[in-house]
Amino acid sequence: MGTFEALKTQLEQLDWPNIYMFKFIVPNDNQHLAQVTALFTANSEISYHHSGTGKYVSLSAKEVMLSAEDIIAVYERAAKIPGIISL
């Protein structure tokens, strides 16, 4: 979890539960989109924006999170998806 220590420190300053917006960029194919979408619940508000060339998709997801640890857990699962960029 060392990679996310600075983020965790920032997040711990917030009151919980809280709405958090995740942003990722992934290659534009069904497999990558399915893997990223699977990180979130049915209650998430997800939007997609395609790059000008159509090679990539920017995905933003707003979700009510219960703690800083829950947010870090999403980023840790996302890091296992090949080709993903977390913003």
Protein backbone atom coordinates (compact mmCIF):
# COMPACT_ATOMS: atom_id res chain seq x y z
CA MET A 1 0.00 0.00 0.00
CA GLY A 2 3.03 2.31 0.09
CA THR A 3 2.11 3.71 -3.32
CA PHE A 4 -1.10 5.20 -1.95
CA GLU A 5 0.13 6.55 1.40
CA ALA A 6 -0.01 10.24 0.36
CA LEU A 7 -3.52 9.81 -1.04
CA LYS A 8 -4.65 7.99 2.09
CA THR A 9 -3.31 10.81 4.28
CA GLN A 10 -5.29 13.36 2.24
CA LEU A 11 -8.46 11.27 2.25
CA GLU A 12 -8.35 10.74 6.00
CA GLN A 13 -8.92 14.49 6.42
CA LEU A 14 -12.44 14.14 4.95
CA ASP A 15 -15.63 13.25 6.77
CA TRP A 16 -17.00 9.79 5.97
CA PRO A 17 -19.09 8.61 4.21
CA ASN A 18 -18.30 10.93 1.30
CA ILE A 19 -18.84 11.11 -2.46
CA TYR A 20 -15.60 10.44 -4.33
CA MET A 21 -14.89 10.79 -8.04
CA PHE A 22 -12.55 8.28 -9.62
CA LYS A 23 -10.99 9.00 -13.02
CA PHE A 24 -9.28 6.48 -15.26
CA ILE A 25 -8.08 6.27 -18.86
CA VAL A 26 -8.17 2.87 -20.55
CA PRO A 27 -7.75 1.48 -24.06
CA ASN A 28 -11.08 1.60 -25.92
CA ASP A 29 -12.12 -2.03 -26.02
CA ASN A 30 -14.87 -4.03 -24.33
CA GLN A 31 -12.53 -6.00 -22.07
CA HIS A 32 -10.88 -2.95 -20.53
CA LEU A 33 -14.17 -1.09 -20.16
CA ALA A 34 -15.79 -4.10 -18.48
CA GLN A 35 -12.88 -4.49 -16.05
CA VAL A 36 -12.97 -0.83 -15.02
CA THR A 37 -16.76 -0.68 -14.79
CA ALA A 38 -16.67 -3.78 -12.55
CA LEU A 39 -14.77 -1.75 -9.93
CA PHE A 40 -17.98 0.12 -9.11
CA THR A 41 -21.46 -0.64 -7.83
CA ALA A 42 -24.75 -0.24 -9.67
CA ASN A 43 -25.29 2.97 -7.67
CA SER A 44 -22.23 4.65 -9.18
CA GLU A 45 -22.65 7.52 -11.59
CA ILE A 46 -20.32 6.61 -14.48
CA SER A 47 -19.57 8.71 -17.55
CA TYR A 48 -17.41 7.92 -20.56
CA HIS A 49 -15.53 10.25 -22.91
CA HIS A 50 -13.77 8.91 -25.99
CA SER A 51 -10.45 10.36 -27.10
CA GLY A 52 -10.25 12.19 -30.39
CA THR A 53 -8.63 9.20 -32.09
CA GLY A 54 -11.00 6.72 -30.43
CA LYS A 55 -8.10 4.67 -29.06
CA TYR A 56 -8.81 5.51 -25.41
CA VAL A 57 -11.74 6.14 -23.11
CA SER A 58 -11.74 8.40 -20.09
CA LEU A 59 -14.03 7.02 -17.42
CA SER A 60 -15.26 9.07 -14.45
CA ALA A 61 -17.20 7.40 -11.65
CA LYS A 62 -18.84 9.08 -8.67
CA GLU A 63 -19.65 6.82 -5.78
CA VAL A 64 -20.45 7.18 -2.09
CA MET A 65 -17.46 5.73 -0.27
CA LEU A 66 -17.42 4.78 3.40
CA SER A 67 -13.73 5.34 4.16
CA ALA A 68 -10.31 6.23 2.79
CA GLU A 69 -9.46 2.51 2.90
CA ASP A 70 -12.36 1.73 0.55
CA ILE A 71 -11.05 4.25 -1.99
CA ILE A 72 -7.52 2.85 -1.79
CA ALA A 73 -8.94 -0.65 -2.31
CA VAL A 74 -10.54 0.47 -5.60
CA TYR A 75 -7.24 1.97 -6.79
CA GLU A 76 -5.38 -1.22 -5.83
CA ARG A 77 -7.82 -3.35 -7.86
CA ALA A 78 -7.61 -0.88 -10.76
CA ALA A 79 -3.80 -1.09 -10.76
CA LYS A 80 -4.10 -4.76 -11.76
CA ILE A 81 -5.85 -3.84 -15.05
CA PRO A 82 -3.29 -3.75 -17.89
CA GLY A 83 -3.04 -0.42 -19.69
CA ILE A 84 -5.04 1.60 -17.14
CA ILE A 85 -4.02 5.10 -16.11
CA SER A 86 -5.39 6.39 -12.80
CA LEU A 87 -5.84 10.14 -12.56
